[in-house]
Amino acid sequence: VVSTQSTGHYYITNNLRMSGEVLLSRVERFSAAHRLFLRHLSNEENFKIYNKCSWEHGHGHNYKVEVRVKAKPDEKTGMVMDIAILKKDIQDLIATVDHKFIDKDVPWFATRPSTVENICIFFYEELAKKMPAGVKLNKVKVWETEKNIASYKG
């Protein structure tokens, strides 16, 4: 910020305006079923850990996913990244879980329980591979319900 003594006005120079990093977020939604259980434990042991969420036939949620990236805006475009590319990358990943039984249909969960925490990590790890040069995946946040939310920063 630069001040002009005579007018008392403040203005931001181009060099200062683009010097910081900006957080850009995109929100998408999907629906899926899952069952919280550990394969090496009995149904009774799983019920002690996960209660009704371990029932054999599972249950479903309408999930919300927020993906946040961080970078300096491009000098020419003023964008951190093309939001359409971020949207497509998220939607491509959502296609692998949307209207699926996560534990049975998504290989990443073959050895991990499909907790909201692990769903968050899954999204983070998969999307981090797709970030363009100079852009960092900052955080993924997943709402399993309005009250059950996890976030992961990697």
Protein backbone atom coordinates (compact mmCIF):
# COMPACT_ATOMS: atom_id res chain seq x y z
CA VAL A 1 0.00 0.00 0.00
CA VAL A 2 1.32 3.39 -0.95
CA SER A 3 0.12 6.69 0.49
CA THR A 4 0.15 10.00 -1.27
CA GLN A 5 0.83 12.69 1.31
CA SER A 6 -0.94 15.49 -0.53
CA THR A 7 -4.30 13.75 -1.09
CA GLY A 8 -4.28 11.25 1.77
CA HIS A 9 -5.44 8.54 -0.65
CA TYR A 10 -4.10 5.02 -0.53
CA TYR A 11 -3.65 2.79 -3.52
CA ILE A 12 -2.20 -0.62 -4.23
CA THR A 13 0.52 -0.90 -6.80
CA ASN A 14 0.45 -3.74 -9.31
CA ASN A 15 3.56 -5.28 -7.74
CA LEU A 16 2.00 -5.40 -4.29
CA ARG A 17 -1.45 -6.45 -5.46
CA MET A 18 -0.24 -9.74 -6.92
CA SER A 19 2.43 -10.56 -4.33
CA GLY A 20 0.26 -12.67 -2.00
CA GLU A 21 -1.37 -16.02 -2.42
CA VAL A 22 -5.12 -16.38 -2.80
CA LEU A 23 -7.36 -19.22 -1.65
CA LEU A 24 -9.89 -20.41 -4.24
CA SER A 25 -12.66 -22.86 -3.32
CA ARG A 26 -15.11 -25.01 -5.25
CA VAL A 27 -18.03 -26.93 -3.72
CA GLU A 28 -19.62 -30.03 -5.23
CA ARG A 29 -22.06 -32.68 -3.95
CA PHE A 30 -22.55 -36.44 -4.26
CA SER A 31 -24.59 -39.24 -2.75
CA ALA A 32 -23.17 -42.58 -1.67
CA ALA A 33 -23.65 -45.50 0.69
CA HIS A 34 -21.07 -46.92 3.04
CA ARG A 35 -20.62 -49.23 6.01
CA LEU A 36 -18.21 -48.47 8.82
CA PHE A 37 -16.38 -51.67 9.70
CA LEU A 38 -12.97 -53.25 9.92
CA ARG A 39 -12.72 -56.47 7.91
CA HIS A 40 -10.50 -58.25 10.43
CA LEU A 41 -13.06 -57.80 13.25
CA SER A 42 -16.30 -59.63 13.92
CA ASN A 43 -19.70 -57.97 13.48
CA GLU A 44 -19.96 -57.70 17.27
CA GLU A 45 -16.56 -55.99 17.57
CA ASN A 46 -17.42 -53.61 14.74
CA PHE A 47 -20.72 -52.76 16.41
CA LYS A 48 -18.84 -51.82 19.60
CA ILE A 49 -16.71 -49.37 17.62
CA TYR A 50 -19.12 -48.01 14.99
CA ASN A 51 -22.54 -48.82 16.48
CA LYS A 52 -25.41 -48.79 13.97
CA CYS A 53 -23.08 -47.43 11.26
CA SER A 54 -21.57 -50.94 11.05
CA TRP A 55 -24.78 -52.68 10.00
CA GLU A 56 -24.22 -55.14 7.18
CA HIS A 57 -26.33 -53.38 4.55
CA GLY A 58 -24.79 -49.96 5.21
CA HIS A 59 -26.46 -46.57 4.99
CA GLY A 60 -26.18 -43.49 2.80
CA HIS A 61 -25.42 -39.79 2.90
CA ASN A 62 -25.70 -36.74 0.69
CA TYR A 63 -22.14 -35.45 0.91
CA LYS A 64 -20.82 -31.96 0.25
CA VAL A 65 -17.16 -31.50 -0.70
CA GLU A 66 -15.25 -28.23 -0.61
CA VAL A 67 -11.88 -28.16 -2.34
CA ARG A 68 -9.56 -25.22 -1.65
CA VAL A 69 -6.46 -24.41 -3.68
CA LYS A 70 -3.78 -21.82 -3.01
CA ALA A 71 -1.50 -19.87 -5.34
CA LYS A 72 -0.49 -16.43 -6.49
CA PRO A 73 -2.91 -15.14 -9.12
CA ASP A 74 -1.56 -15.18 -12.63
CA GLU A 75 -0.36 -11.71 -13.67
CA LYS A 76 -2.29 -11.82 -16.96
CA THR A 77 -5.54 -13.59 -16.05
CA GLY A 78 -5.80 -12.63 -12.38
CA MET A 79 -6.77 -16.25 -11.65
CA VAL A 80 -5.25 -18.74 -9.23
CA MET A 81 -6.29 -21.43 -11.72
CA ASP A 82 -9.04 -22.00 -14.23
CA ILE A 83 -12.06 -22.81 -12.01
CA ALA A 84 -13.53 -24.89 -14.87
CA ILE A 85 -10.52 -27.22 -14.67
CA LEU A 86 -10.87 -27.51 -10.90
CA LYS A 87 -14.60 -28.21 -11.34
CA LYS A 88 -13.90 -30.96 -13.89
CA ASP A 89 -11.21 -32.59 -11.74
CA ILE A 90 -13.56 -32.68 -8.73
CA GLN A 91 -16.49 -33.95 -10.81
CA ASP A 92 -14.32 -36.67 -12.38
CA LEU A 93 -13.38 -37.88 -8.90
CA ILE A 94 -16.97 -37.63 -7.68
CA ALA A 95 -18.01 -39.90 -10.56
CA THR A 96 -16.01 -42.68 -8.87
CA VAL A 97 -18.07 -42.43 -5.64
CA ASP A 98 -21.43 -40.94 -6.62
CA HIS A 99 -24.31 -43.39 -6.13
CA LYS A 100 -21.81 -46.11 -5.22
CA PHE A 101 -21.32 -48.30 -2.17
CA ILE A 102 -17.97 -46.78 -1.23
CA ASP A 103 -16.55 -49.82 0.60
CA LYS A 104 -17.36 -52.21 -2.24
CA ASP A 105 -16.99 -50.02 -5.33
CA VAL A 106 -13.97 -47.79 -4.61
CA PRO A 107 -10.64 -49.69 -4.49
CA TRP A 108 -8.99 -47.08 -2.20
CA PHE A 109 -11.36 -48.20 0.57
CA ALA A 110 -10.60 -51.93 0.23
CA THR A 111 -8.26 -51.67 3.24
CA ARG A 112 -9.62 -48.56 4.97
CA PRO A 113 -12.90 -47.81 6.73
CA SER A 114 -15.02 -45.29 4.82
CA THR A 115 -15.17 -42.74 7.61
CA VAL A 116 -15.75 -39.10 6.67
CA GLU A 117 -12.11 -38.54 7.68
CA ASN A 118 -10.87 -41.14 5.19
CA ILE A 119 -13.19 -39.85 2.47
CA CYS A 120 -11.56 -36.45 3.00
CA ILE A 121 -8.06 -37.94 2.72
CA PHE A 122 -9.10 -39.88 -0.41
CA PHE A 123 -10.29 -36.68 -2.12
CA TYR A 124 -7.15 -34.81 -1.05
CA GLU A 125 -4.72 -37.48 -2.27
CA GLU A 126 -6.44 -37.95 -5.61
CA LEU A 127 -6.90 -34.24 -6.34
CA ALA A 128 -3.36 -33.31 -5.25
CA LYS A 129 -2.08 -35.36 -8.22
CA LYS A 130 -3.99 -33.11 -10.64
CA MET A 131 -2.90 -29.66 -9.47
CA PRO A 132 -1.30 -27.49 -12.16
CA ALA A 133 2.23 -26.17 -11.68
CA GLY A 134 2.36 -23.42 -9.07
CA VAL A 135 -0.98 -24.37 -7.50
CA LYS A 136 -1.15 -26.19 -4.18
CA LEU A 137 -4.14 -28.10 -2.91
CA ASN A 138 -4.69 -26.33 0.41
CA LYS A 139 -7.57 -28.21 2.00
CA VAL A 140 -10.44 -30.61 1.37
CA LYS A 141 -13.51 -30.44 3.58
CA VAL A 142 -16.29 -33.05 3.51
CA TRP A 143 -19.74 -32.74 5.06
CA GLU A 144 -21.18 -36.20 5.72
CA THR A 145 -24.16 -34.57 7.40
CA GLU A 146 -24.91 -31.00 8.41
CA LYS A 147 -23.23 -31.77 11.75
CA ASN A 148 -20.50 -34.30 10.81
CA ILE A 149 -17.67 -32.58 8.96
CA ALA A 150 -14.01 -33.42 8.37
CA SER A 151 -11.24 -31.38 6.79
CA TYR A 152 -7.74 -32.39 5.69
CA LYS A 153 -4.75 -30.27 4.75
CA GLY A 154 -2.32 -33.01 3.72
